[in-house]
């Protein structure tokens, strides 16, 4: 029996990359996983693979988590399919033009809507039940760009600084409630988002998935607040 047997997890941005890797690893540890993303074809592929190979079951729910109603529907579908949500992994993210000088306001708004509002909408939908049960774990996938800013990443870094701030503040809000919060900041990971960054060594998506499992499987009295994962 896996370390996460009888748990239910929701993973956003689960159609590819880090989100897909997290979903597969959680299912391999016995969790039932609700996969949320906009690209329904890729979601179905991930759902079928998990149901074919995982210890836990998977359910694909098409959603744009920058929309509050969609975020709430994902949690509703998870509750109806598997019972209460034990784990929320806020992984969905947008990395677009990051400079202020570019003047690409539409791209800034996309990053703010997905990277910040999407995180808050998911937390808002799942938190009351977790507090009521005195149990649950929220994992926010931030970025090393939330620790360091380059001249090309100003706006993107601002959104990831915000994710870290939300994680830090929420952990304090939820002290002694039984609900844990972990912020994970990956370095450059070999996914479609990193395609334009040359030949530098990159992490694998599974490296981040393994960090998620590490945080989730600590004893109940241990809250792993922050993990930074960088390539050597």
C-alpha atoms as a PDB file:
ATOM      1  CA  UNK A   1       0.000   0.000   0.000  1.00  0.00           C
ATOM      2  CA  UNK A   2       1.362   3.420  -0.956  1.00  0.00           C
ATOM      3  CA  UNK A   3       2.261   6.191   1.452  1.00  0.00           C
ATOM      4  CA  UNK A   4      -0.775   8.228   0.330  1.00  0.00           C
ATOM      5  CA  UNK A   5      -3.394   5.474   0.149  1.00  0.00           C
ATOM      6  CA  UNK A   6      -6.965   6.664   0.795  1.00  0.00           C
ATOM      7  CA  UNK A   7      -5.989  10.302   0.217  1.00  0.00           C
ATOM      8  CA  UNK A   8      -7.551  12.557  -2.401  1.00  0.00           C
ATOM      9  CA  UNK A   9      -5.416  15.133  -4.192  1.00  0.00           C
ATOM     10  CA  UNK A  10      -6.261  17.932  -6.594  1.00  0.00           C
ATOM     11  CA  UNK A  11      -3.476  19.030  -8.936  1.00  0.00           C
ATOM     12  CA  UNK A  12      -3.866  22.098 -11.139  1.00  0.00           C
ATOM     13  CA  UNK A  13      -1.963  22.472 -14.383  1.00  0.00           C
ATOM     14  CA  UNK A  14      -1.966  18.688 -14.533  1.00  0.00           C
ATOM     15  CA  UNK A  15      -2.041  18.149 -18.292  1.00  0.00           C
ATOM     16  CA  UNK A  16       1.731  18.222 -18.802  1.00  0.00           C
ATOM     17  CA  UNK A  17       5.113  18.993 -17.281  1.00  0.00           C
ATOM     18  CA  UNK A  18       5.413  19.329 -13.518  1.00  0.00           C
ATOM     19  CA  UNK A  19       1.674  18.932 -12.916  1.00  0.00           C
ATOM     20  CA  UNK A  20       1.449  15.676 -14.850  1.00  0.00           C
ATOM     21  CA  UNK A  21       4.538  14.319 -13.075  1.00  0.00           C
ATOM     22  CA  UNK A  22       3.129  15.238  -9.658  1.00  0.00           C
ATOM     23  CA  UNK A  23      -0.200  13.598 -10.479  1.00  0.00           C
ATOM     24  CA  UNK A  24       1.431  10.338 -11.590  1.00  0.00           C
ATOM     25  CA  UNK A  25       3.699  10.124  -8.553  1.00  0.00           C
ATOM     26  CA  UNK A  26       0.822  10.819  -6.136  1.00  0.00           C
ATOM     27  CA  UNK A  27      -1.246   8.106  -7.816  1.00  0.00           C
ATOM     28  CA  UNK A  28       1.688   5.689  -7.643  1.00  0.00           C
ATOM     29  CA  UNK A  29       1.671   6.282  -3.872  1.00  0.00           C
ATOM     30  CA  UNK A  30      -2.014   5.360  -3.717  1.00  0.00           C
ATOM     31  CA  UNK A  31      -3.736   8.744  -3.832  1.00  0.00           C
ATOM     32  CA  UNK A  32      -6.823   9.382  -5.917  1.00  0.00           C
ATOM     33  CA  UNK A  33      -6.006  12.381  -8.084  1.00  0.00           C
ATOM     34  CA  UNK A  34      -8.216  14.993  -9.703  1.00  0.00           C
ATOM     35  CA  UNK A  35      -6.405  16.450 -12.703  1.00  0.00           C
ATOM     36  CA  UNK A  36      -7.328  20.039 -13.554  1.00  0.00           C
ATOM     37  CA  UNK A  37      -6.188  21.989 -16.629  1.00  0.00           C
ATOM     38  CA  UNK A  38      -7.511  23.701 -19.735  1.00  0.00           C
ATOM     39  CA  UNK A  39      -6.197  21.240 -22.362  1.00  0.00           C
ATOM     40  CA  UNK A  40      -8.742  18.451 -22.202  1.00  0.00           C
ATOM     41  CA  UNK A  41      -6.972  16.143 -24.680  1.00  0.00           C
ATOM     42  CA  UNK A  42      -3.792  16.050 -22.610  1.00  0.00           C
ATOM     43  CA  UNK A  43      -5.834  15.707 -19.426  1.00  0.00           C
ATOM     44  CA  UNK A  44      -7.571  12.628 -20.811  1.00  0.00           C
ATOM     45  CA  UNK A  45      -4.224  11.080 -21.742  1.00  0.00           C
ATOM     46  CA  UNK A  46      -2.913  11.609 -18.205  1.00  0.00           C
ATOM     47  CA  UNK A  47      -6.152  10.320 -16.701  1.00  0.00           C
ATOM     48  CA  UNK A  48      -6.018   7.135 -18.786  1.00  0.00           C
ATOM     49  CA  UNK A  49      -2.353   6.522 -17.981  1.00  0.00           C
ATOM     50  CA  UNK A  50      -2.930   6.852 -14.241  1.00  0.00           C
ATOM     51  CA  UNK A  51      -6.015   4.654 -14.274  1.00  0.00           C
ATOM     52  CA  UNK A  52      -4.030   2.078 -16.215  1.00  0.00           C
ATOM     53  CA  UNK A  53      -0.854   2.158 -14.129  1.00  0.00           C
ATOM     54  CA  UNK A  54      -1.420   3.938 -10.809  1.00  0.00           C
ATOM     55  CA  UNK A  55      -2.468   2.542  -7.455  1.00  0.00           C
ATOM     56  CA  UNK A  56      -4.903   5.421  -7.067  1.00  0.00           C
ATOM     57  CA  UNK A  57      -7.620   6.516  -9.485  1.00  0.00           C
ATOM     58  CA  UNK A  58      -7.701   9.652 -11.622  1.00  0.00           C
ATOM     59  CA  UNK A  59     -10.461  12.020 -12.696  1.00  0.00           C
ATOM     60  CA  UNK A  60      -9.893  14.704 -15.342  1.00  0.00           C
ATOM     61  CA  UNK A  61     -11.756  18.004 -14.928  1.00  0.00           C
ATOM     62  CA  UNK A  62     -11.315  20.690 -17.557  1.00  0.00           C
ATOM     63  CA  UNK A  63     -10.871  24.031 -15.842  1.00  0.00           C
ATOM     64  CA  UNK A  64      -9.383  27.486 -16.188  1.00  0.00           C
ATOM     65  CA  UNK A  65      -8.349  28.111 -12.605  1.00  0.00           C
ATOM     66  CA  UNK A  66      -8.060  31.845 -13.220  1.00  0.00           C
ATOM     67  CA  UNK A  67     -11.869  31.731 -13.086  1.00  0.00           C
ATOM     68  CA  UNK A  68     -13.278  31.352  -9.598  1.00  0.00           C
ATOM     69  CA  UNK A  69     -16.260  29.255 -10.712  1.00  0.00           C
ATOM     70  CA  UNK A  70     -13.949  26.770 -12.461  1.00  0.00           C
ATOM     71  CA  UNK A  71     -11.699  26.465  -9.405  1.00  0.00           C
ATOM     72  CA  UNK A  72     -14.714  25.833  -7.186  1.00  0.00           C
ATOM     73  CA  UNK A  73     -16.091  23.254  -9.617  1.00  0.00           C
ATOM     74  CA  UNK A  74     -12.848  21.266  -9.512  1.00  0.00           C
ATOM     75  CA  UNK A  75     -13.129  20.905  -5.743  1.00  0.00           C
ATOM     76  CA  UNK A  76     -16.839  20.056  -6.049  1.00  0.00           C
ATOM     77  CA  UNK A  77     -16.075  17.310  -8.591  1.00  0.00           C
ATOM     78  CA  UNK A  78     -13.322  15.941  -6.339  1.00  0.00           C
ATOM     79  CA  UNK A  79     -15.657  15.832  -3.343  1.00  0.00           C
ATOM     80  CA  UNK A  80     -18.337  14.028  -5.325  1.00  0.00           C
ATOM     81  CA  UNK A  81     -15.961  11.497  -6.873  1.00  0.00           C
ATOM     82  CA  UNK A  82     -13.668  10.650  -3.978  1.00  0.00           C
ATOM     83  CA  UNK A  83     -14.839  12.416  -0.832  1.00  0.00           C
ATOM     84  CA  UNK A  84     -13.130  15.364   0.821  1.00  0.00           C
ATOM     85  CA  UNK A  85      -9.911  16.778  -0.615  1.00  0.00           C
ATOM     86  CA  UNK A  86      -6.847  16.014   1.503  1.00  0.00           C
ATOM     87  CA  UNK A  87      -4.196  17.596  -0.739  1.00  0.00           C
ATOM     88  CA  UNK A  88      -4.285  20.641  -2.999  1.00  0.00           C
ATOM     89  CA  UNK A  89      -1.320  21.219  -5.293  1.00  0.00           C
ATOM     90  CA  UNK A  90      -1.490  24.682  -6.843  1.00  0.00           C
ATOM     91  CA  UNK A  91       0.784  24.064  -9.795  1.00  0.00           C
ATOM     92  CA  UNK A  92      -0.835  25.855 -12.756  1.00  0.00           C
ATOM     93  CA  UNK A  93       1.237  28.787 -13.922  1.00  0.00           C
ATOM     94  CA  UNK A  94       1.942  31.174 -16.785  1.00  0.00           C
ATOM     95  CA  UNK A  95       5.429  32.426 -17.660  1.00  0.00           C
ATOM     96  CA  UNK A  96       5.078  35.108 -20.323  1.00  0.00           C
ATOM     97  CA  UNK A  97       6.875  38.372 -21.113  1.00  0.00           C
ATOM     98  CA  UNK A  98       8.236  39.544 -17.792  1.00  0.00           C
ATOM     99  CA  UNK A  99       9.568  43.050 -18.437  1.00  0.00           C
ATOM    100  CA  UNK A 100       7.676  46.183 -17.563  1.00  0.00           C
ATOM    101  CA  UNK A 101       9.139  48.057 -20.531  1.00  0.00           C
ATOM    102  CA  UNK A 102       7.490  45.619 -22.934  1.00  0.00           C
ATOM    103  CA  UNK A 103       4.121  47.150 -22.134  1.00  0.00           C
ATOM    104  CA  UNK A 104       2.428  43.786 -22.712  1.00  0.00           C
ATOM    105  CA  UNK A 105      -0.393  44.399 -20.263  1.00  0.00           C
ATOM    106  CA  UNK A 106      -2.477  41.475 -21.527  1.00  0.00           C
ATOM    107  CA  UNK A 107       0.351  39.057 -20.725  1.00  0.00           C
ATOM    108  CA  UNK A 108       0.869  40.595 -17.283  1.00  0.00           C
ATOM    109  CA  UNK A 109      -2.822  40.131 -16.572  1.00  0.00           C
ATOM    110  CA  UNK A 110      -2.697  36.481 -17.655  1.00  0.00           C
ATOM    111  CA  UNK A 111       0.159  35.818 -15.235  1.00  0.00           C
ATOM    112  CA  UNK A 112      -1.557  37.646 -12.394  1.00  0.00           C
ATOM    113  CA  UNK A 113      -4.860  35.840 -13.030  1.00  0.00           C
ATOM    114  CA  UNK A 114      -3.344  32.347 -13.153  1.00  0.00           C
ATOM    115  CA  UNK A 115      -0.315  32.606 -10.868  1.00  0.00           C
ATOM    116  CA  UNK A 116      -1.919  34.619  -8.068  1.00  0.00           C
ATOM    117  CA  UNK A 117      -5.705  34.565  -8.364  1.00  0.00           C
ATOM    118  CA  UNK A 118      -5.758  30.908  -9.382  1.00  0.00           C
ATOM    119  CA  UNK A 119      -3.813  29.967  -6.248  1.00  0.00           C
ATOM    120  CA  UNK A 120      -6.155  31.981  -4.030  1.00  0.00           C
ATOM    121  CA  UNK A 121      -9.305  30.612  -5.686  1.00  0.00           C
ATOM    122  CA  UNK A 122      -8.173  27.028  -5.143  1.00  0.00           C
ATOM    123  CA  UNK A 123      -7.250  27.645  -1.523  1.00  0.00           C
ATOM    124  CA  UNK A 124     -10.537  29.432  -0.880  1.00  0.00           C
ATOM    125  CA  UNK A 125     -12.512  26.510  -2.303  1.00  0.00           C
ATOM    126  CA  UNK A 126     -10.785  23.795  -0.310  1.00  0.00           C
ATOM    127  CA  UNK A 127      -9.837  25.454   2.971  1.00  0.00           C
ATOM    128  CA  UNK A 128     -13.139  25.482   4.922  1.00  0.00           C
ATOM    129  CA  UNK A 129     -13.448  21.690   4.700  1.00  0.00           C
ATOM    130  CA  UNK A 130      -9.800  21.186   5.681  1.00  0.00           C
ATOM    131  CA  UNK A 131     -10.177  23.431   8.728  1.00  0.00           C
ATOM    132  CA  UNK A 132     -13.396  21.673   9.718  1.00  0.00           C
ATOM    133  CA  UNK A 133     -11.619  18.291   9.583  1.00  0.00           C
ATOM    134  CA  UNK A 134      -8.414  19.641  11.173  1.00  0.00           C
ATOM    135  CA  UNK A 135      -6.510  17.966   8.375  1.00  0.00           C
ATOM    136  CA  UNK A 136      -5.177  18.809   4.944  1.00  0.00           C
ATOM    137  CA  UNK A 137      -2.107  19.924   3.036  1.00  0.00           C
ATOM    138  CA  UNK A 138      -1.809  22.807   0.589  1.00  0.00           C
ATOM    139  CA  UNK A 139       1.247  22.836  -1.671  1.00  0.00           C
ATOM    140  CA  UNK A 140       1.991  25.912  -3.755  1.00  0.00           C
ATOM    141  CA  UNK A 141       4.442  25.592  -6.624  1.00  0.00           C
ATOM    142  CA  UNK A 142       6.292  28.903  -6.807  1.00  0.00           C
ATOM    143  CA  UNK A 143       9.684  29.402  -8.496  1.00  0.00           C
ATOM    144  CA  UNK A 144      13.239  30.484  -7.818  1.00  0.00           C
ATOM    145  CA  UNK A 145      12.047  33.571  -9.699  1.00  0.00           C
ATOM    146  CA  UNK A 146      10.165  34.310  -6.491  1.00  0.00           C
ATOM    147  CA  UNK A 147      13.533  34.504  -4.753  1.00  0.00           C
ATOM    148  CA  UNK A 148      15.578  36.330  -7.392  1.00  0.00           C
ATOM    149  CA  UNK A 149      14.627  38.832 -10.084  1.00  0.00           C
ATOM    150  CA  UNK A 150      16.333  39.232 -13.444  1.00  0.00           C
ATOM    151  CA  UNK A 151      15.882  42.095 -15.883  1.00  0.00           C
ATOM    152  CA  UNK A 152      13.699  39.813 -18.014  1.00  0.00           C
ATOM    153  CA  UNK A 153      11.474  38.447 -15.237  1.00  0.00           C
ATOM    154  CA  UNK A 154      10.099  41.475 -13.382  1.00  0.00           C
ATOM    155  CA  UNK A 155       6.384  40.748 -13.678  1.00  0.00           C
ATOM    156  CA  UNK A 156       6.679  36.946 -13.571  1.00  0.00           C
ATOM    157  CA  UNK A 157       8.917  37.216 -10.510  1.00  0.00           C
ATOM    158  CA  UNK A 158       6.375  39.526  -8.886  1.00  0.00           C
ATOM    159  CA  UNK A 159       3.689  36.865  -9.243  1.00  0.00           C
ATOM    160  CA  UNK A 160       5.947  34.186  -7.774  1.00  0.00           C
ATOM    161  CA  UNK A 161       7.001  36.454  -4.910  1.00  0.00           C
ATOM    162  CA  UNK A 162       3.250  36.742  -4.276  1.00  0.00           C
ATOM    163  CA  UNK A 163       2.850  32.953  -4.201  1.00  0.00           C
ATOM    164  CA  UNK A 164       5.600  32.733  -1.585  1.00  0.00           C
ATOM    165  CA  UNK A 165       3.964  35.516   0.433  1.00  0.00           C
ATOM    166  CA  UNK A 166       0.622  33.702   0.310  1.00  0.00           C
ATOM    167  CA  UNK A 167       2.294  30.475   1.434  1.00  0.00           C
ATOM    168  CA  UNK A 168       4.157  32.153   4.290  1.00  0.00           C
ATOM    169  CA  UNK A 169       1.158  34.086   5.548  1.00  0.00           C
ATOM    170  CA  UNK A 170      -1.229  31.154   5.214  1.00  0.00           C
ATOM    171  CA  UNK A 171       1.097  28.893   7.175  1.00  0.00           C
ATOM    172  CA  UNK A 172       0.920  31.392  10.034  1.00  0.00           C
ATOM    173  CA  UNK A 173      -2.859  31.760   9.712  1.00  0.00           C
ATOM    174  CA  UNK A 174      -3.304  27.998   9.931  1.00  0.00           C
ATOM    175  CA  UNK A 175      -0.959  27.321  12.853  1.00  0.00           C
ATOM    176  CA  UNK A 176      -2.479  24.707  15.180  1.00  0.00           C
ATOM    177  CA  UNK A 177      -5.411  24.006  12.845  1.00  0.00           C
ATOM    178  CA  UNK A 178      -3.974  20.714  11.556  1.00  0.00           C
ATOM    179  CA  UNK A 179      -3.729  22.093   8.005  1.00  0.00           C
ATOM    180  CA  UNK A 180      -0.201  22.249   6.611  1.00  0.00           C
ATOM    181  CA  UNK A 181       1.235  24.537   3.932  1.00  0.00           C
ATOM    182  CA  UNK A 182       4.339  23.980   1.807  1.00  0.00           C
ATOM    183  CA  UNK A 183       5.897  26.308  -0.745  1.00  0.00           C
ATOM    184  CA  UNK A 184       8.089  24.627  -3.376  1.00  0.00           C
ATOM    185  CA  UNK A 185      10.333  26.794  -5.543  1.00  0.00           C
ATOM    186  CA  UNK A 186      11.753  24.926  -8.545  1.00  0.00           C
ATOM    187  CA  UNK A 187      14.703  26.105 -10.566  1.00  0.00           C
ATOM    188  CA  UNK A 188      14.645  25.635 -14.320  1.00  0.00           C
ATOM    189  CA  UNK A 189      12.732  22.454 -15.155  1.00  0.00           C
ATOM    190  CA  UNK A 190      12.789  20.741 -18.544  1.00  0.00           C
ATOM    191  CA  UNK A 191       9.215  21.493 -19.645  1.00  0.00           C
ATOM    192  CA  UNK A 192       7.572  23.372 -22.528  1.00  0.00           C
ATOM    193  CA  UNK A 193       7.797  26.595 -20.455  1.00  0.00           C
ATOM    194  CA  UNK A 194      11.612  26.403 -20.458  1.00  0.00           C
ATOM    195  CA  UNK A 195      12.037  25.886 -24.187  1.00  0.00           C
ATOM    196  CA  UNK A 196      13.758  29.190 -24.877  1.00  0.00           C
ATOM    197  CA  UNK A 197      16.437  29.024 -22.220  1.00  0.00           C
ATOM    198  CA  UNK A 198      19.324  27.399 -24.095  1.00  0.00           C
ATOM    199  CA  UNK A 199      21.372  24.389 -23.126  1.00  0.00           C
ATOM    200  CA  UNK A 200      21.753  24.996 -19.414  1.00  0.00           C
ATOM    201  CA  UNK A 201      21.261  21.969 -17.179  1.00  0.00           C
ATOM    202  CA  UNK A 202      17.616  21.646 -16.182  1.00  0.00           C
ATOM    203  CA  UNK A 203      15.747  19.676 -13.555  1.00  0.00           C
ATOM    204  CA  UNK A 204      13.316  16.915 -14.503  1.00  0.00           C
ATOM    205  CA  UNK A 205       9.633  17.268 -13.647  1.00  0.00           C
ATOM    206  CA  UNK A 206       9.925  14.152 -11.471  1.00  0.00           C
ATOM    207  CA  UNK A 207      12.418  15.997  -9.251  1.00  0.00           C
ATOM    208  CA  UNK A 208       9.666  18.395  -8.249  1.00  0.00           C
ATOM    209  CA  UNK A 209       7.131  15.583  -7.903  1.00  0.00           C
ATOM    210  CA  UNK A 210       9.482  13.828  -5.480  1.00  0.00           C
ATOM    211  CA  UNK A 211       9.773  17.011  -3.425  1.00  0.00           C
ATOM    212  CA  UNK A 212       5.980  17.127  -3.194  1.00  0.00           C
ATOM    213  CA  UNK A 213       5.843  13.540  -1.925  1.00  0.00           C
ATOM    214  CA  UNK A 214       8.580  14.310   0.611  1.00  0.00           C
ATOM    215  CA  UNK A 215       6.570  17.186   2.072  1.00  0.00           C
ATOM    216  CA  UNK A 216       3.333  15.198   2.112  1.00  0.00           C
ATOM    217  CA  UNK A 217       4.744  12.120   3.832  1.00  0.00           C
ATOM    218  CA  UNK A 218       6.345  13.728   6.860  1.00  0.00           C
ATOM    219  CA  UNK A 219       4.850  12.918  10.283  1.00  0.00           C
ATOM    220  CA  UNK A 220       1.687  14.801  11.111  1.00  0.00           C
ATOM    221  CA  UNK A 221       3.481  17.103  13.547  1.00  0.00           C
ATOM    222  CA  UNK A 222       6.025  18.183  10.877  1.00  0.00           C
ATOM    223  CA  UNK A 223       5.226  21.030   8.505  1.00  0.00           C
ATOM    224  CA  UNK A 224       7.783  21.464   5.729  1.00  0.00           C
ATOM    225  CA  UNK A 225       7.285  25.167   4.997  1.00  0.00           C
ATOM    226  CA  UNK A 226       9.717  25.782   2.148  1.00  0.00           C
ATOM    227  CA  UNK A 227      11.619  23.660  -0.373  1.00  0.00           C
ATOM    228  CA  UNK A 228      13.898  25.127  -3.026  1.00  0.00           C
ATOM    229  CA  UNK A 229      15.004  22.710  -5.759  1.00  0.00           C
ATOM    230  CA  UNK A 230      17.805  23.791  -8.098  1.00  0.00           C
ATOM    231  CA  UNK A 231      19.899  21.994 -10.713  1.00  0.00           C
ATOM    232  CA  UNK A 232      23.530  21.431  -9.752  1.00  0.00           C
END
